[in-house]
Structure formats: C-alpha cells, structure tokens
C-alpha cells in the first residue's frame, strides 16, 4: 500500500466496524503509538534495562523489525512477558540483525520476515523461546556461531556500516568486558589503530607486506577502538599509540570479544 492510500485504506476498514469494535481498534492504535514513541525516544521507557535495549535498537538503525517489536511490547502490557522477557526479545532481534550484517546476508527480505513473524511463532507459552525458535528457521538465515566467527575478524566494519552501527558494536564489546568503573562512551570517537594513510614509520613497522596488510585489515574490528584522543593520536607510530591505549580507561580487546561473541550478538 502506498503512503497516500493508508488513510483511505484505514477508513474503509473502520467503516465496517461496530462502535464497540471501532473503540477497541482505536485504543490499540493509541497503544501502539505510545509504544512506538518509546522505541524512537527510549527515554520515555520507565524500565532502565528496556530503555538501554531500545537505545541500542534505534542506534543500529534497522527499523524493519519494529512491527514485531510493537507486538512484544503489547505482550508486556498484557502480562505475557515481563521487562526481562522484553529485553531478551530485543537482544534476539539485535543478534539476528548484527550477525547478518557481519555475514553479508542481504537485507531485502527483512520486511517480509518480521511482518510474518508473529503468525509464525510456535505455540509455546514462553514467548521468548517461541521468538527464538521462529527466528532460527533455516530459511531466515540467522548466522550460527561458526559462520559469525568466520566473518567477525575480517568484516570491514568501518567501511561497510553506518557510523551508528559500528559505534554500537564497539560500545557493546567494551561494556561486555565488565568494568566496575566503566568510562562514558557517548563522547568517544572511533579510532583506526593503523592510520588510514600509511606513514613511512608505519610501513617500517609493518614490514615488506605493509600495503597488503593495510588494505586487508585497516577497517576490520581488530584495528578499531574507541578514544577521546582521535585528533591527537592521528598518524602517531604504533609505539606511541600503544602507550596511550595502555593509559586509557577503554579496554576494548578484540581477541577477548571474539571468544565471547556468541554471548553478545
């Protein structure tokens, strides 16, 4: 349906309803509208944990699952799931989306997947488990751990994603390290460890295959970090950067993240 036909379509549908049915329909629209405002402006959400998940969801910038997420928010209001259940469903959606990004799965089927997903849920009382089962259907292409690992370290995250998406991935990895005094990540920039243009010092550090190594690894997650000193670090040598990273409150370590990535996405 084209945007300009939505009003006419809804009017035609509502004209067939009794007064009682119309009231129920309008109340459901109002409820969905209120929940949609929480998705696009998570500060409206009262639960801190749900609010954090919704901020991650909007930062990812793929809003296609929103109709399904609205259903999940209805389930919470109806007492079918609690805040924790809603958090788990948002985590499942994020895992599904992020793994597909890293694994080069096209996005052109997402609209069809999430429009139909509610109807395809198994008849389980546990709606979180039902959502997991439905998204795990082979035809939906939710990459397994082995496929995700295969692409995780070589995917050109900086080059092939939006700024908000790569920021989300790096922030999630950082917070997963379990700081007792976590740094504020909101104002940090993404820093390339290797500079985007190789200097003579970097060529000497990298050796005879410097250009090939630079091309292959520059934009991958192993050469990205978060920093408040992006402009100061710039094209500094690796020795200088390494010392600055040691002094940083940011602890991002791709090797650790790789070992535990299945718990993250």
Protein backbone atom coordinates (compact mmCIF):
# COMPACT_ATOMS: atom_id res chain seq x y z
CA UNK A 1 0.00 0.00 0.00
CA UNK A 2 1.30 3.44 -0.95
CA UNK A 3 1.63 6.04 1.80
CA UNK A 4 -1.12 8.19 0.32
CA UNK A 5 -3.51 5.23 0.35
CA UNK A 6 -3.09 4.43 4.05
CA UNK A 7 -5.78 6.82 5.25
CA UNK A 8 -8.28 5.61 2.66
CA UNK A 9 -7.50 2.00 3.50
CA UNK A 10 -7.98 2.51 7.23
CA UNK A 11 -11.20 4.49 6.70
CA UNK A 12 -12.61 1.71 4.55
CA UNK A 13 -11.70 -0.86 7.22
CA UNK A 14 -13.11 1.19 10.09
CA UNK A 15 -16.38 1.96 8.27
CA UNK A 16 -17.24 -1.74 8.53
CA UNK A 17 -16.81 -1.86 12.32
CA UNK A 18 -19.42 -1.51 15.02
CA UNK A 19 -18.97 1.27 17.58
CA UNK A 20 -17.54 -1.18 20.11
CA UNK A 21 -15.12 -2.69 17.59
CA UNK A 22 -14.08 0.79 16.49
CA UNK A 23 -13.30 1.81 20.07
CA UNK A 24 -11.14 -1.28 20.57
CA UNK A 25 -9.33 -0.62 17.28
CA UNK A 26 -8.61 3.00 18.19
CA UNK A 27 -7.37 2.00 21.66
CA UNK A 28 -4.97 -0.50 20.05
CA UNK A 29 -3.72 2.18 17.65
CA UNK A 30 -3.19 4.52 20.61
CA UNK A 31 -1.31 1.82 22.50
CA UNK A 32 0.92 1.09 19.50
CA UNK A 33 1.54 4.80 19.02
CA UNK A 34 2.62 5.20 22.65
CA UNK A 35 4.94 2.21 22.37
CA UNK A 36 6.34 3.46 19.07
CA UNK A 37 7.26 6.72 20.79
CA UNK A 38 9.22 4.66 23.35
CA UNK A 39 11.11 2.92 20.55
CA UNK A 40 12.13 6.11 18.74
CA UNK A 41 12.62 8.03 22.01
CA UNK A 42 13.69 5.42 24.59
CA UNK A 43 13.88 7.99 27.40
CA UNK A 44 10.08 7.61 27.59
CA UNK A 45 10.55 4.00 28.73
CA UNK A 46 10.40 3.55 32.52
CA UNK A 47 12.49 0.36 32.76
CA UNK A 48 16.22 1.13 32.71
CA UNK A 49 17.12 -2.23 31.16
CA UNK A 50 14.47 -1.98 28.45
CA UNK A 51 15.47 1.64 27.81
CA UNK A 52 19.10 0.55 27.26
CA UNK A 53 17.96 -2.14 24.77
CA UNK A 54 15.75 0.27 22.87
CA UNK A 55 18.60 2.76 22.55
CA UNK A 56 20.78 0.01 21.08
CA UNK A 57 17.97 -0.98 18.72
CA UNK A 58 17.49 2.55 17.39
CA UNK A 59 21.26 3.09 17.15
CA UNK A 60 21.50 0.05 14.88
CA UNK A 61 19.25 1.96 12.51
CA UNK A 62 17.38 -1.02 11.04
CA UNK A 63 13.75 -0.33 11.93
CA UNK A 64 12.17 -3.12 9.86
CA UNK A 65 11.51 -5.33 12.93
CA UNK A 66 9.51 -2.55 14.62
CA UNK A 67 6.04 -4.05 13.89
CA UNK A 68 7.11 -7.27 15.62
CA UNK A 69 8.70 -5.31 18.48
CA UNK A 70 5.40 -3.45 18.95
CA UNK A 71 3.72 -6.84 19.40
CA UNK A 72 6.31 -7.77 22.03
CA UNK A 73 5.61 -4.53 23.88
CA UNK A 74 1.92 -5.39 23.82
CA UNK A 75 2.74 -8.79 25.35
CA UNK A 76 4.45 -6.99 28.23
CA UNK A 77 1.43 -4.77 28.81
CA UNK A 78 -0.83 -7.83 28.73
CA UNK A 79 1.34 -9.65 31.30
CA UNK A 80 2.53 -12.34 28.88
CA UNK A 81 6.17 -11.32 29.36
CA UNK A 82 7.92 -9.07 31.88
CA UNK A 83 10.66 -6.44 31.40
CA UNK A 84 13.32 -9.15 31.31
CA UNK A 85 11.40 -11.05 28.65
CA UNK A 86 11.13 -7.92 26.52
CA UNK A 87 14.88 -7.31 26.94
CA UNK A 88 15.59 -10.85 25.76
CA UNK A 89 13.40 -10.39 22.68
CA UNK A 90 15.18 -7.14 21.76
CA UNK A 91 18.50 -8.96 22.24
CA UNK A 92 17.34 -11.72 19.89
CA UNK A 93 16.35 -9.19 17.25
CA UNK A 94 19.69 -7.39 17.60
CA UNK A 95 21.62 -10.65 17.38
CA UNK A 96 19.69 -11.61 14.26
CA UNK A 97 20.45 -8.25 12.59
CA UNK A 98 24.10 -7.84 13.65
CA UNK A 99 25.09 -11.39 12.71
CA UNK A 100 23.52 -10.95 9.29
CA UNK A 101 25.47 -7.71 8.79
CA UNK A 102 28.79 -9.39 9.59
CA UNK A 103 27.90 -12.40 7.44
CA UNK A 104 26.94 -10.35 4.36
CA UNK A 105 23.32 -11.52 4.36
CA UNK A 106 21.19 -9.17 2.19
CA UNK A 107 18.58 -7.06 3.96
CA UNK A 108 15.93 -7.18 1.22
CA UNK A 109 13.90 -9.92 2.95
CA UNK A 110 13.76 -8.34 6.42
CA UNK A 111 10.41 -6.64 5.86
CA UNK A 112 8.74 -9.91 4.88
CA UNK A 113 10.42 -11.80 7.73
CA UNK A 114 9.25 -9.51 10.53
CA UNK A 115 5.79 -8.76 9.15
CA UNK A 116 5.03 -12.51 9.19
CA UNK A 117 6.99 -13.47 12.32
CA UNK A 118 4.17 -13.13 14.86
CA UNK A 119 1.99 -15.50 12.88
CA UNK A 120 4.86 -18.00 12.62
CA UNK A 121 5.58 -18.22 16.36
CA UNK A 122 5.38 -21.78 17.71
CA UNK A 123 2.53 -22.38 20.14
CA UNK A 124 4.70 -22.01 23.24
CA UNK A 125 3.63 -20.36 26.46
CA UNK A 126 7.16 -18.90 26.69
CA UNK A 127 7.08 -16.15 24.05
CA UNK A 128 10.83 -15.51 24.31
CA UNK A 129 11.54 -19.14 23.45
CA UNK A 130 8.92 -19.01 20.70
CA UNK A 131 10.61 -15.94 19.19
CA UNK A 132 13.99 -17.65 19.29
CA UNK A 133 12.57 -20.74 17.57
CA UNK A 134 10.82 -18.70 14.88
CA UNK A 135 13.91 -16.64 14.05
CA UNK A 136 16.01 -19.82 13.97
CA UNK A 137 14.19 -21.27 10.97
CA UNK A 138 16.81 -22.20 8.37
CA UNK A 139 15.23 -20.09 5.65
CA UNK A 140 15.54 -16.90 7.70
CA UNK A 141 19.36 -17.09 7.68
CA UNK A 142 20.30 -16.24 11.26
CA UNK A 143 24.06 -16.98 11.13
CA UNK A 144 25.24 -19.65 13.56
CA UNK A 145 28.29 -19.14 15.79
CA UNK A 146 30.63 -20.82 13.28
CA UNK A 147 29.53 -18.58 10.40
CA UNK A 148 29.67 -15.48 12.59
CA UNK A 149 33.19 -16.29 13.79
CA UNK A 150 34.32 -16.87 10.22
CA UNK A 151 33.47 -13.29 9.26
CA UNK A 152 33.81 -11.43 12.57
CA UNK A 153 37.51 -10.54 12.39
CA UNK A 154 37.71 -9.94 8.63
CA UNK A 155 34.49 -7.97 8.04
CA UNK A 156 35.28 -4.35 7.10
CA UNK A 157 33.17 -2.88 9.86
CA UNK A 158 34.29 0.71 9.44
CA UNK A 159 33.85 0.71 5.67
CA UNK A 160 30.64 -1.28 5.25
CA UNK A 161 28.40 0.00 8.07
CA UNK A 162 26.86 3.27 9.17
CA UNK A 163 28.64 5.28 11.88
CA UNK A 164 25.93 4.47 14.43
CA UNK A 165 26.18 0.74 13.68
CA UNK A 166 29.94 0.43 14.10
CA UNK A 167 29.75 2.61 17.20
CA UNK A 168 27.11 0.27 18.64
CA UNK A 169 29.28 -2.80 18.02
CA UNK A 170 32.36 -1.28 19.64
CA UNK A 171 30.43 0.09 22.62
CA UNK A 172 28.75 -3.26 23.18
CA UNK A 173 32.10 -5.04 23.15
CA UNK A 174 33.57 -2.51 25.58
CA UNK A 175 30.71 -2.71 28.06
CA UNK A 176 30.75 -6.51 27.88
CA UNK A 177 34.23 -6.50 29.41
CA UNK A 178 32.57 -5.82 32.74
CA UNK A 179 34.05 -2.56 34.06
CA UNK A 180 33.39 -1.72 37.68
CA UNK A 181 34.01 1.92 36.72
CA UNK A 182 33.08 1.96 33.05
CA UNK A 183 34.08 5.06 31.08
CA UNK A 184 31.41 7.22 29.47
CA UNK A 185 31.37 6.09 25.86
CA UNK A 186 28.93 8.59 24.39
CA UNK A 187 31.53 11.23 23.51
CA UNK A 188 34.22 8.86 22.21
CA UNK A 189 35.22 8.62 18.56
CA UNK A 190 36.24 5.57 16.56
CA UNK A 191 39.97 5.40 16.07
CA UNK A 192 41.92 3.38 13.50
CA UNK A 193 44.98 1.82 15.10
CA UNK A 194 46.76 1.83 11.76
CA UNK A 195 46.34 5.27 10.19
CA UNK A 196 44.14 5.42 7.11
CA UNK A 197 47.15 6.67 5.14
CA UNK A 198 50.35 4.80 5.93
CA UNK A 199 53.33 6.84 7.03
CA UNK A 200 56.91 5.74 6.45
CA UNK A 201 57.19 4.81 10.13
CA UNK A 202 54.14 2.56 9.88
CA UNK A 203 55.45 0.97 6.69
CA UNK A 204 58.67 0.15 8.52
CA UNK A 205 56.76 -1.30 11.49
CA UNK A 206 54.56 -3.46 9.26
CA UNK A 207 57.42 -4.72 7.09
CA UNK A 208 57.57 -5.71 3.44
CA UNK A 209 53.86 -6.61 3.24
CA UNK A 210 52.79 -3.27 4.70
CA UNK A 211 50.47 -2.26 1.85
CA UNK A 212 48.75 -5.65 1.71
CA UNK A 213 48.31 -5.75 5.49
CA UNK A 214 46.93 -2.23 5.46
CA UNK A 215 44.42 -2.99 2.72
CA UNK A 216 43.28 -6.23 4.35
CA UNK A 217 42.96 -5.17 7.99
CA UNK A 218 42.55 -1.38 8.16
CA UNK A 219 38.76 -1.25 8.52
CA UNK A 220 38.28 -4.51 10.45
CA UNK A 221 37.29 -4.65 14.10
CA UNK A 222 40.78 -5.64 15.25
CA UNK A 223 42.10 -2.23 14.14
CA UNK A 224 39.32 -0.11 15.55
CA UNK A 225 38.93 1.22 19.07
CA UNK A 226 37.17 3.99 20.96
CA UNK A 227 39.06 7.06 22.09
CA UNK A 228 38.68 10.64 23.16
CA UNK A 229 42.08 11.44 21.65
CA UNK A 230 41.39 10.79 17.98
CA UNK A 231 42.86 14.02 16.67
CA UNK A 232 45.89 13.82 18.98
CA UNK A 233 46.71 10.22 18.03
CA UNK A 234 46.16 10.70 14.30
CA UNK A 235 49.17 9.19 12.46
CA UNK A 236 51.34 8.55 15.52
CA UNK A 237 53.56 5.50 15.46
CA UNK A 238 52.32 2.23 16.90
CA UNK A 239 54.66 2.58 19.89
CA UNK A 240 53.15 5.95 20.79
CA UNK A 241 49.58 4.75 20.25
CA UNK A 242 50.13 1.58 22.24
CA UNK A 243 51.32 3.55 25.24
CA UNK A 244 48.33 5.88 25.02
CA UNK A 245 45.96 2.90 24.78
CA UNK A 246 47.55 1.41 27.91
CA UNK A 247 46.70 4.58 29.80
CA UNK A 248 43.11 4.64 28.53
CA UNK A 249 40.03 3.61 30.50
CA UNK A 250 38.79 1.96 27.31
CA UNK A 251 39.80 -1.69 27.38
CA UNK A 252 38.48 -2.98 24.02
CA UNK A 253 40.32 -6.19 23.21
CA UNK A 254 39.07 -7.88 20.02
CA UNK A 255 40.60 -11.23 20.99
CA UNK A 256 38.53 -11.41 24.16
CA UNK A 257 35.46 -10.20 22.32
CA UNK A 258 35.94 -12.91 19.71
CA UNK A 259 35.95 -15.66 22.33
CA UNK A 260 32.73 -14.47 23.91
CA UNK A 261 30.96 -13.01 20.87
CA UNK A 262 28.12 -15.56 20.96
CA UNK A 263 27.07 -14.01 24.29
CA UNK A 264 26.98 -10.56 22.74
CA UNK A 265 25.23 -10.86 19.37
